[in-house]
Amino acid sequence: MLALPAALDDRVDTAALPLAVGDLVAIIGVLTYGMIQHNTFIPERALGVYAPFLLGWLVASVLIGAYSAGAAESAKAAVPLGIRAWVLAALIGFALRWTPVFPGDLDVIFVLITLVLPGVLIAGLRVVFFKLIG
C-alpha cells in the first residue's frame, strides 16, 4: 500500500485516490477540448495550459480533502468535496494564468466555462464511480 507523509494522513486517504483518475480526465479533457475547438492545441503549449489548473488541483484537493476518508465513502460526500476543490483549484489556475508565465488569457467566457464544466464533470464522474463500485 502507498505510504503518505504524516502531514497528509487526514487530508488524503489512499482508498479515495481512484477518484483522481476521473478528476484528472475531467480537468485535462475540458482544457484539451477547448484548445482543439480554438485550433490552439500544440503539445508544447498544452502543458502550459494544463499546468496552472493541475497545480491548483494539487493544492486545492489536499486543502479541501477531495481525497479524504470521507470522499472514499460515498458519492454524497465525494461530490461536494470534488466541486469545492475544483472551485478553489480553478481560482488558483486563473491567478497563475493571469501571469506572463502561462499561455492564454482570461476571457469571461473562458473563466465561466472552465469554472463550471470541469466541476460538473468531476461531480458526474464521482457519481459514476460509486455506482460502479456499489
C-alpha atoms as a PDB file:
ATOM      1  CA  MET A   1       0.000   0.000   0.000  1.00  0.00           C
ATOM      2  CA  LEU A   2       1.105   3.562  -0.711  1.00  0.00           C
ATOM      3  CA  ALA A   3       2.541   5.339   2.336  1.00  0.00           C
ATOM      4  CA  LEU A   4       1.789   9.040   2.605  1.00  0.00           C
ATOM      5  CA  PRO A   5       3.652  11.668   4.638  1.00  0.00           C
ATOM      6  CA  ALA A   6       2.146  12.104   8.119  1.00  0.00           C
ATOM      7  CA  ALA A   7       1.025  15.668   7.315  1.00  0.00           C
ATOM      8  CA  LEU A   8      -1.332  14.278   4.659  1.00  0.00           C
ATOM      9  CA  ASP A   9      -2.797  11.437   6.738  1.00  0.00           C
ATOM     10  CA  ASP A  10      -6.169  13.075   7.414  1.00  0.00           C
ATOM     11  CA  ARG A  11      -6.299  15.001   4.094  1.00  0.00           C
ATOM     12  CA  VAL A  12      -5.563  12.098   1.741  1.00  0.00           C
ATOM     13  CA  ASP A  13      -6.818   8.531   2.077  1.00  0.00           C
ATOM     14  CA  THR A  14      -5.411   6.043  -0.411  1.00  0.00           C
ATOM     15  CA  ALA A  15      -8.884   4.470  -0.728  1.00  0.00           C
ATOM     16  CA  ALA A  16     -10.069   7.732  -2.333  1.00  0.00           C
ATOM     17  CA  LEU A  17      -7.211   8.035  -4.812  1.00  0.00           C
ATOM     18  CA  PRO A  18      -9.057   6.163  -7.614  1.00  0.00           C
ATOM     19  CA  LEU A  19     -11.294   9.250  -7.772  1.00  0.00           C
ATOM     20  CA  ALA A  20      -8.260  11.152  -9.053  1.00  0.00           C
ATOM     21  CA  VAL A  21      -8.483   9.352 -12.397  1.00  0.00           C
ATOM     22  CA  GLY A  22     -11.899  10.825 -13.166  1.00  0.00           C
ATOM     23  CA  ASP A  23     -10.938  14.209 -11.747  1.00  0.00           C
ATOM     24  CA  LEU A  24      -7.876  14.471 -13.970  1.00  0.00           C
ATOM     25  CA  VAL A  25      -9.832  13.243 -17.013  1.00  0.00           C
ATOM     26  CA  ALA A  26     -12.396  15.997 -16.375  1.00  0.00           C
ATOM     27  CA  ILE A  27      -9.833  18.775 -15.957  1.00  0.00           C
ATOM     28  CA  ILE A  28      -7.493  17.797 -18.773  1.00  0.00           C
ATOM     29  CA  GLY A  29     -10.393  16.800 -21.020  1.00  0.00           C
ATOM     30  CA  VAL A  30     -12.124  20.179 -20.831  1.00  0.00           C
ATOM     31  CA  LEU A  31      -8.891  22.096 -21.379  1.00  0.00           C
ATOM     32  CA  THR A  32      -7.907  19.854 -24.305  1.00  0.00           C
ATOM     33  CA  TYR A  33     -11.340  20.156 -25.898  1.00  0.00           C
ATOM     34  CA  GLY A  34     -11.135  23.952 -25.624  1.00  0.00           C
ATOM     35  CA  MET A  35      -7.728  24.053 -27.273  1.00  0.00           C
ATOM     36  CA  ILE A  36      -8.940  21.794 -30.086  1.00  0.00           C
ATOM     37  CA  GLN A  37     -12.046  23.947 -30.597  1.00  0.00           C
ATOM     38  CA  HIS A  38      -9.887  27.075 -30.860  1.00  0.00           C
ATOM     39  CA  ASN A  39      -7.212  25.414 -33.029  1.00  0.00           C
ATOM     40  CA  THR A  40      -4.558  26.097 -30.393  1.00  0.00           C
ATOM     41  CA  PHE A  41      -3.718  22.521 -29.417  1.00  0.00           C
ATOM     42  CA  ILE A  42       0.048  22.212 -29.726  1.00  0.00           C
ATOM     43  CA  PRO A  43       1.622  19.716 -27.294  1.00  0.00           C
ATOM     44  CA  GLU A  44       4.282  22.176 -26.130  1.00  0.00           C
ATOM     45  CA  ARG A  45       1.603  24.820 -25.458  1.00  0.00           C
ATOM     46  CA  ALA A  46      -0.830  22.328 -23.917  1.00  0.00           C
ATOM     47  CA  LEU A  47       1.496  21.678 -20.995  1.00  0.00           C
ATOM     48  CA  GLY A  48       1.450  25.401 -20.209  1.00  0.00           C
ATOM     49  CA  VAL A  49      -2.348  25.424 -20.373  1.00  0.00           C
ATOM     50  CA  TYR A  50      -2.718  22.378 -18.101  1.00  0.00           C
ATOM     51  CA  ALA A  51      -0.078  23.375 -15.559  1.00  0.00           C
ATOM     52  CA  PRO A  52      -1.852  26.225 -13.685  1.00  0.00           C
ATOM     53  CA  PHE A  53      -5.016  24.187 -13.218  1.00  0.00           C
ATOM     54  CA  LEU A  54      -3.214  20.978 -12.274  1.00  0.00           C
ATOM     55  CA  LEU A  55      -1.088  22.896  -9.765  1.00  0.00           C
ATOM     56  CA  GLY A  56      -4.295  24.455  -8.461  1.00  0.00           C
ATOM     57  CA  TRP A  57      -5.883  20.997  -8.229  1.00  0.00           C
ATOM     58  CA  LEU A  58      -2.893  19.584  -6.367  1.00  0.00           C
ATOM     59  CA  VAL A  59      -3.139  22.317  -3.738  1.00  0.00           C
ATOM     60  CA  ALA A  60      -6.940  22.571  -3.544  1.00  0.00           C
ATOM     61  CA  SER A  61      -7.688  18.847  -3.487  1.00  0.00           C
ATOM     62  CA  VAL A  62      -5.470  18.405  -0.432  1.00  0.00           C
ATOM     63  CA  LEU A  63      -6.682  21.544   1.365  1.00  0.00           C
ATOM     64  CA  ILE A  64     -10.363  20.739   0.764  1.00  0.00           C
ATOM     65  CA  GLY A  65      -9.974  16.995   1.332  1.00  0.00           C
ATOM     66  CA  ALA A  66     -11.148  15.825  -2.098  1.00  0.00           C
ATOM     67  CA  TYR A  67      -9.318  12.547  -1.408  1.00  0.00           C
ATOM     68  CA  SER A  68     -10.018  12.293   2.312  1.00  0.00           C
ATOM     69  CA  ALA A  69     -11.534   9.241   4.010  1.00  0.00           C
ATOM     70  CA  GLY A  70     -14.981  10.814   3.697  1.00  0.00           C
ATOM     71  CA  ALA A  71     -14.595  11.141  -0.062  1.00  0.00           C
ATOM     72  CA  ALA A  72     -13.904   7.404  -0.279  1.00  0.00           C
ATOM     73  CA  GLU A  73     -17.181   6.504   1.447  1.00  0.00           C
ATOM     74  CA  SER A  74     -19.954   7.736  -0.828  1.00  0.00           C
ATOM     75  CA  ALA A  75     -20.928   9.974  -3.714  1.00  0.00           C
ATOM     76  CA  LYS A  76     -22.869  12.077  -1.206  1.00  0.00           C
ATOM     77  CA  ALA A  77     -19.570  13.032   0.437  1.00  0.00           C
ATOM     78  CA  ALA A  78     -17.269  12.841  -2.606  1.00  0.00           C
ATOM     79  CA  VAL A  79     -19.251  15.097  -4.948  1.00  0.00           C
ATOM     80  CA  PRO A  80     -19.349  18.255  -2.772  1.00  0.00           C
ATOM     81  CA  LEU A  81     -15.679  17.801  -1.855  1.00  0.00           C
ATOM     82  CA  GLY A  82     -14.770  17.494  -5.530  1.00  0.00           C
ATOM     83  CA  ILE A  83     -16.797  20.564  -6.523  1.00  0.00           C
ATOM     84  CA  ARG A  84     -15.398  22.696  -3.698  1.00  0.00           C
ATOM     85  CA  ALA A  85     -11.868  21.603  -4.552  1.00  0.00           C
ATOM     86  CA  TRP A  86     -12.424  22.425  -8.227  1.00  0.00           C
ATOM     87  CA  VAL A  87     -13.676  25.946  -7.464  1.00  0.00           C
ATOM     88  CA  LEU A  88     -10.549  26.670  -5.422  1.00  0.00           C
ATOM     89  CA  ALA A  89      -8.307  24.943  -7.995  1.00  0.00           C
ATOM     90  CA  ALA A  90      -9.840  26.966 -10.829  1.00  0.00           C
ATOM     91  CA  LEU A  91      -9.306  30.224  -8.921  1.00  0.00           C
ATOM     92  CA  ILE A  92      -5.664  29.267  -8.352  1.00  0.00           C
ATOM     93  CA  GLY A  93      -5.378  28.310 -12.026  1.00  0.00           C
ATOM     94  CA  PHE A  94      -6.867  31.630 -13.154  1.00  0.00           C
ATOM     95  CA  ALA A  95      -4.471  33.546 -10.907  1.00  0.00           C
ATOM     96  CA  LEU A  96      -1.493  31.628 -12.322  1.00  0.00           C
ATOM     97  CA  ARG A  97      -2.747  32.015 -15.887  1.00  0.00           C
ATOM     98  CA  TRP A  98      -3.019  35.768 -15.327  1.00  0.00           C
ATOM     99  CA  THR A  99       0.763  35.886 -15.020  1.00  0.00           C
ATOM    100  CA  PRO A 100       3.033  36.012 -18.086  1.00  0.00           C
ATOM    101  CA  VAL A 101       4.410  32.569 -17.174  1.00  0.00           C
ATOM    102  CA  PHE A 102       1.475  30.635 -18.691  1.00  0.00           C
ATOM    103  CA  PRO A 103      -0.140  30.955 -22.139  1.00  0.00           C
ATOM    104  CA  GLY A 104      -3.647  32.220 -22.744  1.00  0.00           C
ATOM    105  CA  ASP A 105      -5.817  34.949 -21.373  1.00  0.00           C
ATOM    106  CA  LEU A 106      -8.801  35.232 -19.056  1.00  0.00           C
ATOM    107  CA  ASP A 107     -11.774  35.998 -21.294  1.00  0.00           C
ATOM    108  CA  VAL A 108     -15.014  35.957 -19.325  1.00  0.00           C
ATOM    109  CA  ILE A 109     -16.378  33.015 -21.335  1.00  0.00           C
ATOM    110  CA  PHE A 110     -13.186  31.010 -20.694  1.00  0.00           C
ATOM    111  CA  VAL A 111     -13.463  31.688 -16.963  1.00  0.00           C
ATOM    112  CA  LEU A 112     -17.144  30.690 -16.871  1.00  0.00           C
ATOM    113  CA  ILE A 113     -16.708  27.506 -18.909  1.00  0.00           C
ATOM    114  CA  THR A 114     -13.556  26.478 -17.051  1.00  0.00           C
ATOM    115  CA  LEU A 115     -15.151  27.143 -13.680  1.00  0.00           C
ATOM    116  CA  VAL A 116     -18.376  25.234 -14.429  1.00  0.00           C
ATOM    117  CA  LEU A 117     -17.718  22.403 -16.889  1.00  0.00           C
ATOM    118  CA  PRO A 118     -14.878  20.566 -15.112  1.00  0.00           C
ATOM    119  CA  GLY A 119     -16.817  20.851 -11.837  1.00  0.00           C
ATOM    120  CA  VAL A 120     -19.877  19.254 -13.436  1.00  0.00           C
ATOM    121  CA  LEU A 121     -17.719  16.501 -14.938  1.00  0.00           C
ATOM    122  CA  ILE A 122     -15.877  15.888 -11.660  1.00  0.00           C
ATOM    123  CA  ALA A 123     -19.237  15.532  -9.900  1.00  0.00           C
ATOM    124  CA  GLY A 124     -20.654  13.268 -12.597  1.00  0.00           C
ATOM    125  CA  LEU A 125     -17.621  11.010 -12.756  1.00  0.00           C
ATOM    126  CA  ARG A 126     -17.613  10.679  -8.965  1.00  0.00           C
ATOM    127  CA  VAL A 127     -21.270   9.610  -9.074  1.00  0.00           C
ATOM    128  CA  VAL A 128     -20.457   7.072 -11.797  1.00  0.00           C
ATOM    129  CA  PHE A 129     -17.504   5.777  -9.770  1.00  0.00           C
ATOM    130  CA  PHE A 130     -19.733   5.000  -6.775  1.00  0.00           C
ATOM    131  CA  LYS A 131     -22.423   3.452  -8.994  1.00  0.00           C
ATOM    132  CA  LEU A 132     -19.789   1.123 -10.441  1.00  0.00           C
ATOM    133  CA  ILE A 133     -18.171   0.099  -7.167  1.00  0.00           C
ATOM    134  CA  GLY A 134     -21.518  -0.212  -5.417  1.00  0.00           C
END
